[in-house]
Amino acid sequence: MRKPRWVMGQVLVVVEWGLILGLCIPMLALDARAESLNVKPGAWEMTVTSVASGMKLSPEMAANMTPAQRIQMEQMMKAREEPHTMTVPSCLTKEDVSQDRIIKEMEDEDDNAAGQCKAKVISKSSSKLVIDQICPGPPASTGHLTIEAKTPERLVATGDRNLKGSGKTHLDIKGKWLRASCEGIED
């Protein structure tokens, strides 16, 4: 399976401990079929700012770590409480901005949920996609994602993920189109 080119694939790198933003979305109803976000395909620059709060190691996870690993993980989690910004190049094809494909790739990201997540498409148009999500876990979580195509050359997205008993993650994404060619951008 190819790695997702959509920005969410890049965002997953930000959440280092396996706490992923990827939302698990079931198949959409036929009357809500594919619309693409109105953005240009090609090379994009994505600026992602993430902040986590209240992150805790689960007892199961802590039990499988040495004391040194636990301390290191707790330090990493504490560091994530400060906003962290990174800018990454991304290549978006016409297929990548299909809302059904975005949803499907986000569904495929959460290997642990095995299709147990339930999602509700709140709104869907060529300029905006809004999704709420509930996953029974473990760990149980809820999520909210908004992607907006402000213009064909600019997009913004926000995502919130609440992991029951393990904290919250918030992401802000700003994307700007660079050029039609993706030459030099690796998947």
N, C-alpha and C. Protein backbone atom coordinates (compact mmCIF):
# COMPACT_ATOMS: atom_id res chain seq x y z
N MET A 1 0.83 -1.18 0.00
CA MET A 1 0.00 0.00 0.00
C MET A 1 0.88 1.24 0.00
N ARG A 2 0.57 2.19 -0.86
CA ARG A 2 1.39 3.39 -0.93
C ARG A 2 1.16 4.25 0.30
N LYS A 3 2.16 5.01 0.63
CA LYS A 3 2.02 5.94 1.75
C LYS A 3 1.11 7.07 1.30
N PRO A 4 0.21 7.55 2.19
CA PRO A 4 -0.68 8.64 1.79
C PRO A 4 0.14 9.88 1.44
N ARG A 5 -0.26 10.53 0.35
CA ARG A 5 0.40 11.77 -0.02
C ARG A 5 -0.30 12.95 0.64
N TRP A 6 -1.52 12.77 0.97
CA TRP A 6 -2.28 13.86 1.57
C TRP A 6 -1.59 14.32 2.84
N VAL A 7 -1.77 15.54 3.19
CA VAL A 7 -1.10 16.16 4.33
C VAL A 7 -1.28 15.36 5.62
N MET A 8 -2.37 14.66 5.78
CA MET A 8 -2.57 13.92 7.02
C MET A 8 -1.47 12.88 7.19
N GLY A 9 -0.98 12.34 6.09
CA GLY A 9 0.14 11.41 6.19
C GLY A 9 1.37 12.11 6.76
N GLN A 10 1.57 13.38 6.38
CA GLN A 10 2.67 14.15 6.92
C GLN A 10 2.43 14.51 8.39
N VAL A 11 1.19 14.78 8.73
CA VAL A 11 0.84 15.18 10.10
C VAL A 11 1.12 14.05 11.07
N LEU A 12 0.94 12.83 10.64
CA LEU A 12 1.12 11.70 11.55
C LEU A 12 2.52 11.65 12.13
N VAL A 13 3.48 12.18 11.41
CA VAL A 13 4.85 12.22 11.89
C VAL A 13 4.94 13.05 13.17
N VAL A 14 4.08 14.07 13.27
CA VAL A 14 4.13 14.99 14.39
C VAL A 14 3.80 14.30 15.71
N VAL A 15 2.90 13.37 15.70
CA VAL A 15 2.45 12.75 16.94
C VAL A 15 3.27 11.49 17.16
N GLU A 16 4.34 11.64 17.91
CA GLU A 16 5.43 10.68 17.93
C GLU A 16 5.14 9.37 18.63
N TRP A 17 4.20 9.28 19.50
CA TRP A 17 4.04 8.10 20.33
C TRP A 17 2.93 7.19 19.84
N GLY A 18 2.60 7.27 18.58
CA GLY A 18 1.56 6.40 18.07
C GLY A 18 0.17 6.95 18.31
N LEU A 19 0.06 8.18 18.83
CA LEU A 19 -1.24 8.81 19.00
C LEU A 19 -1.52 9.53 17.71
N ILE A 20 -2.32 8.96 16.87
CA ILE A 20 -2.47 9.49 15.52
C ILE A 20 -3.76 10.26 15.36
N LEU A 21 -3.72 11.19 14.43
CA LEU A 21 -4.91 11.96 14.13
C LEU A 21 -5.84 11.20 13.21
N GLY A 22 -5.32 10.24 12.45
CA GLY A 22 -6.12 9.56 11.44
C GLY A 22 -7.49 9.16 11.94
N LEU A 23 -8.50 9.57 11.25
CA LEU A 23 -9.87 9.28 11.64
C LEU A 23 -10.36 8.03 10.92
N CYS A 24 -11.11 7.20 11.61
CA CYS A 24 -11.65 5.98 11.01
C CYS A 24 -13.04 6.27 10.50
N ILE A 25 -13.20 6.26 9.21
CA ILE A 25 -14.46 6.65 8.60
C ILE A 25 -15.05 5.47 7.83
N PRO A 26 -16.30 5.10 8.11
CA PRO A 26 -16.93 4.05 7.30
C PRO A 26 -17.29 4.58 5.91
N MET A 27 -17.73 3.69 5.05
CA MET A 27 -18.12 4.10 3.70
C MET A 27 -19.20 5.16 3.76
N LEU A 28 -19.10 6.13 2.86
CA LEU A 28 -20.10 7.19 2.81
C LEU A 28 -21.35 6.71 2.11
N ALA A 29 -22.48 7.28 2.46
CA ALA A 29 -23.74 6.96 1.79
C ALA A 29 -23.64 7.37 0.33
N LEU A 30 -24.36 6.68 -0.54
CA LEU A 30 -24.27 6.95 -1.97
C LEU A 30 -24.62 8.39 -2.33
N ASP A 31 -25.54 9.02 -1.61
CA ASP A 31 -25.93 10.38 -1.95
C ASP A 31 -24.89 11.40 -1.49
N ALA A 32 -23.87 10.99 -0.81
CA ALA A 32 -22.82 11.90 -0.36
C ALA A 32 -21.52 11.62 -1.12
N ARG A 33 -21.62 11.09 -2.32
CA ARG A 33 -20.46 10.67 -3.10
C ARG A 33 -19.45 11.77 -3.36
N ALA A 34 -18.34 11.33 -3.89
CA ALA A 34 -17.10 12.09 -4.00
C ALA A 34 -17.25 13.50 -4.54
N GLU A 35 -16.68 14.38 -3.77
CA GLU A 35 -16.38 15.73 -4.21
C GLU A 35 -14.92 15.90 -3.91
N SER A 36 -14.26 16.67 -4.71
CA SER A 36 -12.86 16.97 -4.44
C SER A 36 -12.77 18.36 -3.85
N LEU A 37 -11.76 18.54 -3.02
CA LEU A 37 -11.49 19.88 -2.53
C LEU A 37 -10.95 20.70 -3.70
N ASN A 38 -11.34 21.94 -3.78
CA ASN A 38 -10.95 22.81 -4.88
C ASN A 38 -9.55 23.37 -4.62
N VAL A 39 -8.55 22.51 -4.82
CA VAL A 39 -7.16 22.92 -4.71
C VAL A 39 -6.38 22.39 -5.90
N LYS A 40 -5.33 23.09 -6.24
CA LYS A 40 -4.50 22.70 -7.37
C LYS A 40 -3.64 21.49 -7.01
N PRO A 41 -3.52 20.56 -7.94
CA PRO A 41 -2.56 19.47 -7.72
C PRO A 41 -1.14 19.99 -7.91
N GLY A 42 -0.20 19.31 -7.29
CA GLY A 42 1.20 19.68 -7.45
C GLY A 42 1.91 19.73 -6.11
N ALA A 43 3.00 20.52 -6.09
CA ALA A 43 3.82 20.65 -4.89
C ALA A 43 3.19 21.66 -3.94
N TRP A 44 3.12 21.27 -2.69
CA TRP A 44 2.57 22.12 -1.63
C TRP A 44 3.57 22.20 -0.49
N GLU A 45 3.51 23.28 0.25
CA GLU A 45 4.26 23.42 1.48
C GLU A 45 3.24 23.44 2.62
N MET A 46 3.37 22.49 3.55
CA MET A 46 2.46 22.37 4.67
C MET A 46 3.17 22.76 5.95
N THR A 47 2.60 23.73 6.65
CA THR A 47 3.13 24.13 7.95
C THR A 47 2.18 23.58 9.00
N VAL A 48 2.71 22.72 9.85
CA VAL A 48 1.91 22.01 10.84
C VAL A 48 2.35 22.44 12.24
N THR A 49 1.40 22.91 13.04
CA THR A 49 1.67 23.24 14.43
C THR A 49 0.85 22.29 15.29
N SER A 50 1.53 21.63 16.21
CA SER A 50 0.84 20.67 17.08
C SER A 50 1.11 21.04 18.54
N VAL A 51 0.14 20.74 19.37
CA VAL A 51 0.30 20.89 20.80
C VAL A 51 -0.50 19.79 21.48
N ALA A 52 0.07 19.20 22.50
CA ALA A 52 -0.58 18.13 23.24
C ALA A 52 -0.76 18.59 24.68
N SER A 53 -1.78 18.07 25.33
CA SER A 53 -1.97 18.39 26.75
C SER A 53 -2.50 17.17 27.48
N GLY A 54 -2.08 17.05 28.72
CA GLY A 54 -2.57 15.96 29.57
C GLY A 54 -2.15 14.58 29.15
N MET A 55 -1.08 14.47 28.35
CA MET A 55 -0.65 13.16 27.88
C MET A 55 -0.11 12.31 29.03
N LYS A 56 -0.56 11.06 29.06
CA LYS A 56 -0.12 10.10 30.08
C LYS A 56 0.15 8.76 29.41
N LEU A 57 1.09 8.05 29.96
CA LEU A 57 1.33 6.68 29.50
C LEU A 57 0.24 5.78 30.05
N SER A 58 -0.29 4.92 29.21
CA SER A 58 -1.26 3.95 29.70
C SER A 58 -0.51 2.93 30.56
N PRO A 59 -1.20 2.33 31.53
CA PRO A 59 -0.54 1.30 32.35
C PRO A 59 0.01 0.16 31.50
N GLU A 60 -0.71 -0.21 30.43
CA GLU A 60 -0.25 -1.29 29.56
C GLU A 60 1.05 -0.92 28.87
N MET A 61 1.10 0.32 28.37
CA MET A 61 2.29 0.78 27.67
C MET A 61 3.47 0.89 28.64
N ALA A 62 3.23 1.45 29.81
CA ALA A 62 4.29 1.61 30.81
C ALA A 62 4.83 0.26 31.27
N ALA A 63 3.96 -0.74 31.37
CA ALA A 63 4.38 -2.07 31.83
C ALA A 63 5.38 -2.72 30.88
N ASN A 64 5.35 -2.32 29.61
CA ASN A 64 6.25 -2.91 28.62
C ASN A 64 7.53 -2.12 28.42
N MET A 65 7.79 -1.14 29.30
CA MET A 65 8.98 -0.30 29.17
C MET A 65 9.90 -0.46 30.37
N THR A 66 11.17 -0.25 30.10
CA THR A 66 12.13 -0.18 31.21
C THR A 66 11.94 1.16 31.90
N PRO A 67 12.44 1.31 33.13
CA PRO A 67 12.33 2.61 33.80
C PRO A 67 12.94 3.75 32.97
N ALA A 68 14.06 3.50 32.31
CA ALA A 68 14.70 4.53 31.49
C ALA A 68 13.82 4.90 30.30
N GLN A 69 13.18 3.91 29.67
CA GLN A 69 12.28 4.18 28.55
C GLN A 69 11.08 4.99 29.01
N ARG A 70 10.54 4.66 30.19
CA ARG A 70 9.39 5.40 30.72
C ARG A 70 9.75 6.86 30.95
N ILE A 71 10.92 7.09 31.54
CA ILE A 71 11.36 8.47 31.80
C ILE A 71 11.52 9.23 30.48
N GLN A 72 12.14 8.59 29.50
CA GLN A 72 12.34 9.22 28.19
C GLN A 72 11.00 9.54 27.54
N MET A 73 10.06 8.61 27.58
CA MET A 73 8.75 8.84 26.99
C MET A 73 8.01 9.97 27.71
N GLU A 74 8.08 10.00 29.03
CA GLU A 74 7.42 11.06 29.79
C GLU A 74 8.03 12.43 29.48
N GLN A 75 9.34 12.48 29.27
CA GLN A 75 9.99 13.73 28.89
C GLN A 75 9.53 14.18 27.50
N MET A 76 9.41 13.23 26.57
CA MET A 76 8.93 13.56 25.23
C MET A 76 7.50 14.09 25.29
N MET A 77 6.66 13.45 26.10
CA MET A 77 5.28 13.87 26.22
C MET A 77 5.19 15.27 26.83
N LYS A 78 6.00 15.55 27.80
CA LYS A 78 6.02 16.87 28.43
C LYS A 78 6.45 17.93 27.42
N ALA A 79 7.44 17.60 26.59
CA ALA A 79 7.92 18.54 25.57
C ALA A 79 6.83 18.87 24.56
N ARG A 80 5.92 17.94 24.30
CA ARG A 80 4.84 18.15 23.32
C ARG A 80 3.78 19.13 23.83
N GLU A 81 3.85 19.51 25.11
CA GLU A 81 2.89 20.48 25.64
C GLU A 81 3.18 21.89 25.16
N GLU A 82 4.36 22.12 24.61
CA GLU A 82 4.69 23.39 23.98
C GLU A 82 4.36 23.25 22.49
N PRO A 83 3.82 24.31 21.87
CA PRO A 83 3.55 24.21 20.43
C PRO A 83 4.81 23.87 19.65
N HIS A 84 4.66 22.97 18.72
CA HIS A 84 5.76 22.51 17.87
C HIS A 84 5.34 22.73 16.42
N THR A 85 6.15 23.46 15.67
CA THR A 85 5.82 23.75 14.28
C THR A 85 6.89 23.18 13.37
N MET A 86 6.41 22.56 12.29
CA MET A 86 7.33 22.07 11.27
C MET A 86 6.71 22.35 9.90
N THR A 87 7.56 22.54 8.92
CA THR A 87 7.11 22.77 7.56
C THR A 87 7.64 21.63 6.71
N VAL A 88 6.72 21.00 5.98
CA VAL A 88 7.09 19.84 5.17
C VAL A 88 6.54 20.00 3.76
N PRO A 89 7.31 19.54 2.76
CA PRO A 89 6.79 19.53 1.40
C PRO A 89 5.84 18.36 1.22
N SER A 90 4.87 18.52 0.36
CA SER A 90 3.92 17.45 0.09
C SER A 90 3.49 17.53 -1.37
N CYS A 91 3.27 16.39 -1.98
CA CYS A 91 2.81 16.33 -3.36
C CYS A 91 1.35 15.88 -3.35
N LEU A 92 0.47 16.71 -3.87
CA LEU A 92 -0.95 16.36 -3.94
C LEU A 92 -1.35 16.15 -5.39
N THR A 93 -1.95 15.00 -5.67
CA THR A 93 -2.49 14.74 -7.00
C THR A 93 -4.00 15.04 -6.97
N LYS A 94 -4.62 15.01 -8.14
CA LYS A 94 -6.08 15.20 -8.18
C LYS A 94 -6.77 14.13 -7.34
N GLU A 95 -6.24 12.91 -7.38
CA GLU A 95 -6.82 11.82 -6.59
C GLU A 95 -6.67 12.08 -5.09
N ASP A 96 -5.56 12.68 -4.69
CA ASP A 96 -5.30 12.93 -3.28
C ASP A 96 -6.30 13.90 -2.66
N VAL A 97 -6.87 14.80 -3.44
CA VAL A 97 -7.80 15.78 -2.88
C VAL A 97 -9.26 15.35 -3.00
N SER A 98 -9.49 14.13 -3.48
CA SER A 98 -10.83 13.56 -3.45
C SER A 98 -11.21 13.34 -1.99
N GLN A 99 -12.35 13.88 -1.58
CA GLN A 99 -12.73 13.76 -0.19
C GLN A 99 -12.94 12.30 0.21
N ASP A 100 -13.50 11.48 -0.66
CA ASP A 100 -13.65 10.07 -0.33
C ASP A 100 -12.29 9.42 -0.11
N ARG A 101 -11.32 9.80 -0.92
CA ARG A 101 -9.98 9.23 -0.77
C ARG A 101 -9.32 9.71 0.52
N ILE A 102 -9.48 10.99 0.86
CA ILE A 102 -8.94 11.51 2.11
C ILE A 102 -9.52 10.71 3.27
N ILE A 103 -10.81 10.53 3.25
CA ILE A 103 -11.49 9.79 4.32
C ILE A 103 -10.98 8.35 4.37
N LYS A 104 -10.87 7.71 3.22
CA LYS A 104 -10.40 6.32 3.16
C LYS A 104 -8.98 6.19 3.69
N GLU A 105 -8.09 7.11 3.31
CA GLU A 105 -6.71 7.04 3.79
C GLU A 105 -6.64 7.26 5.29
N MET A 106 -7.48 8.14 5.80
CA MET A 106 -7.50 8.35 7.25
C MET A 106 -8.03 7.10 7.94
N GLU A 107 -8.99 6.44 7.34
CA GLU A 107 -9.51 5.19 7.90
C GLU A 107 -8.42 4.13 7.95
N ASP A 108 -7.65 4.05 6.90
CA ASP A 108 -6.58 3.04 6.81
C ASP A 108 -5.42 3.32 7.75
N GLU A 109 -5.28 4.55 8.23
CA GLU A 109 -4.16 4.89 9.11
C GLU A 109 -4.26 4.23 10.47
N ASP A 110 -5.48 3.99 10.96
CA ASP A 110 -5.65 3.50 12.33
C ASP A 110 -5.73 1.97 12.33
N ASP A 111 -4.57 1.34 12.29
CA ASP A 111 -4.50 -0.12 12.24
C ASP A 111 -5.09 -0.77 13.48
N ASN A 112 -4.96 -0.14 14.64
CA ASN A 112 -5.41 -0.73 15.90
C ASN A 112 -6.93 -0.77 16.03
N ALA A 113 -7.63 0.15 15.39
CA ALA A 113 -9.08 0.23 15.56
C ALA A 113 -9.82 -0.84 14.75
N ALA A 114 -9.23 -1.37 13.73
CA ALA A 114 -9.81 -2.44 12.91
C ALA A 114 -11.24 -2.13 12.51
N GLY A 115 -11.48 -0.92 12.07
CA GLY A 115 -12.80 -0.56 11.57
C GLY A 115 -13.86 -0.36 12.63
N GLN A 116 -13.47 -0.23 13.87
CA GLN A 116 -14.44 -0.05 14.95
C GLN A 116 -14.87 1.40 15.10
N CYS A 117 -14.16 2.33 14.50
CA CYS A 117 -14.47 3.74 14.66
C CYS A 117 -15.75 4.09 13.91
N LYS A 118 -16.47 5.03 14.46
CA LYS A 118 -17.69 5.55 13.83
C LYS A 118 -17.46 7.02 13.54
N ALA A 119 -17.85 7.45 12.38
CA ALA A 119 -17.64 8.84 12.01
C ALA A 119 -18.89 9.43 11.40
N LYS A 120 -18.97 10.71 11.53
CA LYS A 120 -20.11 11.44 10.97
C LYS A 120 -19.56 12.59 10.14
N VAL A 121 -19.89 12.60 8.86
CA VAL A 121 -19.51 13.71 8.00
C VAL A 121 -20.48 14.85 8.33
N ILE A 122 -19.95 15.91 8.93
CA ILE A 122 -20.77 17.05 9.34
C ILE A 122 -21.11 17.91 8.14
N SER A 123 -20.11 18.20 7.31
CA SER A 123 -20.36 18.94 6.07
C SER A 123 -19.31 18.56 5.05
N LYS A 124 -19.70 18.71 3.79
CA LYS A 124 -18.83 18.27 2.71
C LYS A 124 -19.14 19.11 1.47
N SER A 125 -18.16 19.85 0.99
CA SER A 125 -18.33 20.64 -0.23
C SER A 125 -16.96 20.76 -0.91
N SER A 126 -16.91 21.46 -2.02
CA SER A 126 -15.63 21.61 -2.71
C SER A 126 -14.67 22.51 -1.94
N SER A 127 -15.18 23.24 -0.94
CA SER A 127 -14.31 24.13 -0.18
C SER A 127 -14.10 23.69 1.27
N LYS A 128 -14.86 22.68 1.74
CA LYS A 128 -14.74 22.34 3.16
C LYS A 128 -15.20 20.91 3.43
N LEU A 129 -14.46 20.24 4.33
CA LEU A 129 -14.80 18.91 4.81
C LEU A 129 -14.71 18.94 6.33
N VAL A 130 -15.80 18.56 7.01
CA VAL A 130 -15.82 18.53 8.47
C VAL A 130 -16.31 17.16 8.91
N ILE A 131 -15.54 16.52 9.82
CA ILE A 131 -15.84 15.16 10.26
C ILE A 131 -15.70 15.08 11.78
N ASP A 132 -16.66 14.41 12.43
CA ASP A 132 -16.53 14.02 13.83
C ASP A 132 -16.34 12.52 13.87
N GLN A 133 -15.65 12.03 14.91
CA GLN A 133 -15.32 10.61 14.97
C GLN A 133 -15.29 10.12 16.42
N ILE A 134 -15.72 8.87 16.60
CA ILE A 134 -15.65 8.19 17.90
C ILE A 134 -15.06 6.81 17.67
N CYS A 135 -14.02 6.47 18.43
CA CYS A 135 -13.41 5.14 18.38
C CYS A 135 -13.51 4.51 19.76
N PRO A 136 -14.05 3.28 19.85
CA PRO A 136 -14.18 2.65 21.16
C PRO A 136 -12.84 2.22 21.76
N GLY A 137 -11.80 2.11 20.92
CA GLY A 137 -10.47 1.78 21.41
C GLY A 137 -10.24 0.29 21.50
N PRO A 138 -9.28 -0.11 22.27
CA PRO A 138 -8.47 0.76 23.12
C PRO A 138 -7.35 1.44 22.33
N PRO A 139 -6.96 2.63 22.71
CA PRO A 139 -7.64 3.49 23.68
C PRO A 139 -8.83 4.18 23.02
N ALA A 140 -9.88 4.39 23.79
CA ALA A 140 -11.05 5.10 23.29
C ALA A 140 -10.66 6.53 22.95
N SER A 141 -11.25 7.06 21.87
CA SER A 141 -10.91 8.42 21.46
C SER A 141 -12.05 9.06 20.69
N THR A 142 -12.01 10.38 20.65
CA THR A 142 -12.91 11.15 19.81
C THR A 142 -12.06 12.11 19.00
N GLY A 143 -12.57 12.51 17.86
CA GLY A 143 -11.82 13.43 17.02
C GLY A 143 -12.74 14.36 16.27
N HIS A 144 -12.18 15.47 15.85
CA HIS A 144 -12.89 16.45 15.02
C HIS A 144 -11.87 16.99 14.03
N LEU A 145 -12.21 16.98 12.74
CA LEU A 145 -11.32 17.43 11.69
C LEU A 145 -12.06 18.38 10.77
N THR A 146 -11.42 19.50 10.45
CA THR A 146 -11.94 20.45 9.47
C THR A 146 -10.83 20.75 8.48
N ILE A 147 -11.11 20.57 7.19
CA ILE A 147 -10.18 20.94 6.12
C ILE A 147 -10.90 21.95 5.24
N GLU A 148 -10.27 23.10 5.00
CA GLU A 148 -10.88 24.13 4.16
C GLU A 148 -9.94 24.51 3.02
N ALA A 149 -10.48 24.52 1.81
CA ALA A 149 -9.76 25.05 0.65
C ALA A 149 -10.14 26.52 0.57
N LYS A 150 -9.30 27.38 1.10
CA LYS A 150 -9.59 28.82 1.11
C LYS A 150 -9.57 29.38 -0.31
N THR A 151 -8.58 28.96 -1.09
CA THR A 151 -8.48 29.26 -2.51
C THR A 151 -7.87 28.02 -3.15
N PRO A 152 -7.80 27.94 -4.47
CA PRO A 152 -7.14 26.78 -5.08
C PRO A 152 -5.65 26.65 -4.71
N GLU A 153 -5.07 27.72 -4.17
CA GLU A 153 -3.65 27.71 -3.83
C GLU A 153 -3.39 27.81 -2.33
N ARG A 154 -4.44 27.72 -1.51
CA ARG A 154 -4.25 27.84 -0.07
C ARG A 154 -5.30 27.00 0.65
N LEU A 155 -4.84 26.22 1.64
CA LEU A 155 -5.76 25.45 2.46
C LEU A 155 -5.37 25.57 3.92
N VAL A 156 -6.35 25.34 4.78
CA VAL A 156 -6.11 25.29 6.22
C VAL A 156 -6.86 24.08 6.76
N ALA A 157 -6.34 23.55 7.85
CA ALA A 157 -7.01 22.42 8.50
C ALA A 157 -6.76 22.52 10.00
N THR A 158 -7.72 22.03 10.75
CA THR A 158 -7.56 21.91 12.20
C THR A 158 -8.04 20.52 12.59
N GLY A 159 -7.36 19.96 13.56
CA GLY A 159 -7.75 18.65 14.04
C GLY A 159 -7.58 18.57 15.54
N ASP A 160 -8.54 17.95 16.18
CA ASP A 160 -8.47 17.71 17.62
C ASP A 160 -8.71 16.24 17.86
N ARG A 161 -7.91 15.67 18.73
CA ARG A 161 -8.02 14.26 19.08
C ARG A 161 -7.99 14.17 20.60
N ASN A 162 -8.99 13.54 21.19
CA ASN A 162 -9.07 13.37 22.63
C ASN A 162 -9.00 11.88 22.92
N LEU A 163 -7.91 11.46 23.56
CA LEU A 163 -7.73 10.06 23.92
C LEU A 163 -8.15 9.90 25.37
N LYS A 164 -9.20 9.12 25.58
CA LYS A 164 -9.76 8.97 26.92
C LYS A 164 -8.68 8.59 27.94
N GLY A 165 -8.52 9.46 28.94
CA GLY A 165 -7.56 9.21 29.99
C GLY A 165 -6.11 9.41 29.61
N SER A 166 -5.86 9.78 28.36
CA SER A 166 -4.47 9.89 27.90
C SER A 166 -4.12 11.26 27.33
N GLY A 167 -5.04 12.21 27.36
CA GLY A 167 -4.72 13.55 26.89
C GLY A 167 -5.34 13.92 25.57
N LYS A 168 -4.95 15.09 25.10
CA LYS A 168 -5.50 15.67 23.88
C LYS A 168 -4.37 16.14 22.97
N THR A 169 -4.66 16.17 21.68
CA THR A 169 -3.74 16.71 20.69
C THR A 169 -4.52 17.67 19.80
N HIS A 170 -3.92 18.81 19.51
CA HIS A 170 -4.53 19.79 18.59
C HIS A 170 -3.53 20.09 17.49
N LEU A 171 -4.00 20.13 16.25
CA LEU A 171 -3.16 20.43 15.09
C LEU A 171 -3.76 21.59 14.30
N ASP A 172 -2.90 22.49 13.86
CA ASP A 172 -3.27 23.53 12.91
C ASP A 172 -2.37 23.36 11.70
N ILE A 173 -2.96 23.35 10.52
CA ILE A 173 -2.21 23.13 9.29
C ILE A 173 -2.51 24.26 8.33
N LYS A 174 -1.47 24.81 7.73
CA LYS A 174 -1.61 25.82 6.69
C LYS A 174 -0.84 25.32 5.49
N GLY A 175 -1.51 25.25 4.36
CA GLY A 175 -0.87 24.77 3.15
C GLY A 175 -0.88 25.82 2.07
N LYS A 176 0.23 25.90 1.34
CA LYS A 176 0.26 26.80 0.18
C LYS A 176 0.85 26.06 -1.00
N TRP A 177 0.20 26.27 -2.14
CA TRP A 177 0.61 25.65 -3.38
C TRP A 177 1.89 26.30 -3.85
N LEU A 178 2.84 25.49 -4.32
CA LEU A 178 4.12 26.01 -4.79
C LEU A 178 4.24 25.99 -6.30
N ARG A 179 3.87 24.83 -6.90
CA ARG A 179 4.04 24.68 -8.34
C ARG A 179 3.31 23.42 -8.79
N ALA A 180 3.13 23.29 -10.12
CA ALA A 180 2.43 22.13 -10.66
C ALA A 180 3.26 20.85 -10.57
N SER A 181 4.57 20.98 -10.66
CA SER A 181 5.45 19.80 -10.64
C SER A 181 5.78 19.40 -9.21
N CYS A 182 5.77 18.09 -8.97
CA CYS A 182 6.18 17.56 -7.68
C CYS A 182 7.63 17.09 -7.67
N GLU A 183 8.36 17.44 -8.71
CA GLU A 183 9.75 17.00 -8.83
C GLU A 183 10.52 17.39 -7.56
N GLY A 184 11.26 16.41 -7.03
CA GLY A 184 12.07 16.64 -5.85
C GLY A 184 11.37 16.38 -4.54
N ILE A 185 10.09 16.06 -4.57
CA ILE A 185 9.35 15.77 -3.35
C ILE A 185 9.18 14.27 -3.25
N GLU A 186 9.67 13.69 -2.15
CA GLU A 186 9.58 12.24 -1.94
C GLU A 186 8.28 11.90 -1.25
N ASP A 187 7.73 10.71 -1.55
CA ASP A 187 6.53 10.22 -0.86
C ASP A 187 6.89 9.77 0.53
